[in-house]
Amino acid sequence: MWKYAWENYGGRISGVAAGLLFGIIYLFAGFWDMLFCALIVGIGFWAGKQKDEGKGPILPWERLTEWLTDRWPRSR
């Protein structure tokens, strides 16, 4: 059961876990910022869901690095 859950929902599980971790860290800085904690958990869930559904990365790193190297080529 755990293997099935991890294989099918691994991104969501790790996203929520990361969101909870960062949310708990933020909560120590201020109790009344619970809405921000929920936002962090929600963003973690959304990012994990994107990974599970195979929609690719949130930021197109290959395209971004290609654009940067074209714009500012290394001078050797």
C-alpha atoms as a PDB file:
ATOM      1  CA  MET A   1       0.000   0.000   0.000  1.00  0.00           C
ATOM      2  CA  TRP A   2       2.754   2.492   0.880  1.00  0.00           C
ATOM      3  CA  LYS A   3       4.683   1.639  -2.270  1.00  0.00           C
ATOM      4  CA  TYR A   4       1.574   2.221  -4.402  1.00  0.00           C
ATOM      5  CA  ALA A   5       0.903   5.545  -2.672  1.00  0.00           C
ATOM      6  CA  TRP A   6       4.509   6.684  -3.109  1.00  0.00           C
ATOM      7  CA  GLU A   7       4.686   5.648  -6.778  1.00  0.00           C
ATOM      8  CA  ASN A   8       1.420   7.362  -7.713  1.00  0.00           C
ATOM      9  CA  TYR A   9       1.385  10.330  -5.336  1.00  0.00           C
ATOM     10  CA  GLY A  10       5.056  10.785  -4.451  1.00  0.00           C
ATOM     11  CA  GLY A  11       5.196  14.355  -5.682  1.00  0.00           C
ATOM     12  CA  ARG A  12       2.148  15.379  -3.715  1.00  0.00           C
ATOM     13  CA  ILE A  13       3.398  13.637  -0.579  1.00  0.00           C
ATOM     14  CA  SER A  14       6.843  15.230  -0.784  1.00  0.00           C
ATOM     15  CA  GLY A  15       5.351  18.614  -1.710  1.00  0.00           C
ATOM     16  CA  VAL A  16       3.026  18.631   1.285  1.00  0.00           C
ATOM     17  CA  ALA A  17       5.829  17.388   3.551  1.00  0.00           C
ATOM     18  CA  ALA A  18       8.122  20.177   2.370  1.00  0.00           C
ATOM     19  CA  GLY A  19       5.305  22.694   2.769  1.00  0.00           C
ATOM     20  CA  LEU A  20       4.605  21.483   6.298  1.00  0.00           C
ATOM     21  CA  LEU A  21       8.289  21.670   7.187  1.00  0.00           C
ATOM     22  CA  PHE A  22       8.626  25.229   5.927  1.00  0.00           C
ATOM     23  CA  GLY A  23       5.265  26.126   7.453  1.00  0.00           C
ATOM     24  CA  ILE A  24       6.319  24.864  10.895  1.00  0.00           C
ATOM     25  CA  ILE A  25       9.576  26.784  10.638  1.00  0.00           C
ATOM     26  CA  TYR A  26       7.636  29.903   9.740  1.00  0.00           C
ATOM     27  CA  LEU A  27       5.145  29.368  12.552  1.00  0.00           C
ATOM     28  CA  PHE A  28       7.915  29.654  15.112  1.00  0.00           C
ATOM     29  CA  ALA A  29       8.444  33.169  13.827  1.00  0.00           C
ATOM     30  CA  GLY A  30       4.803  34.161  14.428  1.00  0.00           C
ATOM     31  CA  PHE A  31       1.674  32.312  15.496  1.00  0.00           C
ATOM     32  CA  TRP A  32      -0.830  34.573  13.779  1.00  0.00           C
ATOM     33  CA  ASP A  33       0.606  33.846  10.369  1.00  0.00           C
ATOM     34  CA  MET A  34      -1.347  30.605  10.017  1.00  0.00           C
ATOM     35  CA  LEU A  35      -2.735  31.700   6.668  1.00  0.00           C
ATOM     36  CA  PHE A  36       0.760  31.962   5.302  1.00  0.00           C
ATOM     37  CA  CYS A  37       1.477  28.453   6.572  1.00  0.00           C
ATOM     38  CA  ALA A  38      -1.600  27.158   4.732  1.00  0.00           C
ATOM     39  CA  LEU A  39      -0.435  28.961   1.609  1.00  0.00           C
ATOM     40  CA  ILE A  40       2.962  27.288   1.813  1.00  0.00           C
ATOM     41  CA  VAL A  41       1.363  23.845   2.230  1.00  0.00           C
ATOM     42  CA  GLY A  42      -0.957  24.561  -0.695  1.00  0.00           C
ATOM     43  CA  ILE A  43       1.911  25.607  -2.939  1.00  0.00           C
ATOM     44  CA  GLY A  44       3.793  22.446  -1.967  1.00  0.00           C
ATOM     45  CA  PHE A  45       0.748  20.338  -2.828  1.00  0.00           C
ATOM     46  CA  TRP A  46       0.301  22.115  -6.162  1.00  0.00           C
ATOM     47  CA  ALA A  47       3.965  21.657  -7.115  1.00  0.00           C
ATOM     48  CA  GLY A  48       3.807  17.982  -6.171  1.00  0.00           C
ATOM     49  CA  LYS A  49       0.632  17.518  -8.189  1.00  0.00           C
ATOM     50  CA  GLN A  50       2.333  19.085 -11.206  1.00  0.00           C
ATOM     51  CA  LYS A  51       5.118  16.535 -10.854  1.00  0.00           C
ATOM     52  CA  ASP A  52       2.707  13.615 -10.460  1.00  0.00           C
ATOM     53  CA  GLU A  53       0.764  14.600 -13.562  1.00  0.00           C
ATOM     54  CA  GLY A  54       3.976  14.926 -15.578  1.00  0.00           C
ATOM     55  CA  LYS A  55       3.366  18.520 -16.602  1.00  0.00           C
ATOM     56  CA  GLY A  56       7.065  19.276 -16.406  1.00  0.00           C
ATOM     57  CA  PRO A  57       8.947  21.699 -14.211  1.00  0.00           C
ATOM     58  CA  ILE A  58       7.396  24.912 -12.966  1.00  0.00           C
ATOM     59  CA  LEU A  59      10.225  26.928 -14.496  1.00  0.00           C
ATOM     60  CA  PRO A  60      11.541  25.907 -17.937  1.00  0.00           C
ATOM     61  CA  TRP A  61      15.189  25.664 -16.860  1.00  0.00           C
ATOM     62  CA  GLU A  62      16.532  24.496 -20.238  1.00  0.00           C
ATOM     63  CA  ARG A  63      14.894  27.381 -22.085  1.00  0.00           C
ATOM     64  CA  LEU A  64      16.000  29.851 -19.408  1.00  0.00           C
ATOM     65  CA  THR A  65      19.640  28.735 -19.446  1.00  0.00           C
ATOM     66  CA  GLU A  66      19.656  28.719 -23.246  1.00  0.00           C
ATOM     67  CA  TRP A  67      18.326  32.275 -23.304  1.00  0.00           C
ATOM     68  CA  LEU A  68      20.905  33.414 -20.738  1.00  0.00           C
ATOM     69  CA  THR A  69      23.837  31.827 -22.578  1.00  0.00           C
ATOM     70  CA  ASP A  70      22.676  33.353 -25.859  1.00  0.00           C
ATOM     71  CA  ARG A  71      22.320  36.753 -24.245  1.00  0.00           C
ATOM     72  CA  TRP A  72      25.572  36.690 -22.271  1.00  0.00           C
ATOM     73  CA  PRO A  73      28.032  34.281 -23.860  1.00  0.00           C
ATOM     74  CA  ARG A  74      31.086  33.291 -21.861  1.00  0.00           C
ATOM     75  CA  SER A  75      34.170  35.193 -22.926  1.00  0.00           C
ATOM     76  CA  ARG A  76      37.221  32.954 -22.740  1.00  0.00           C
END
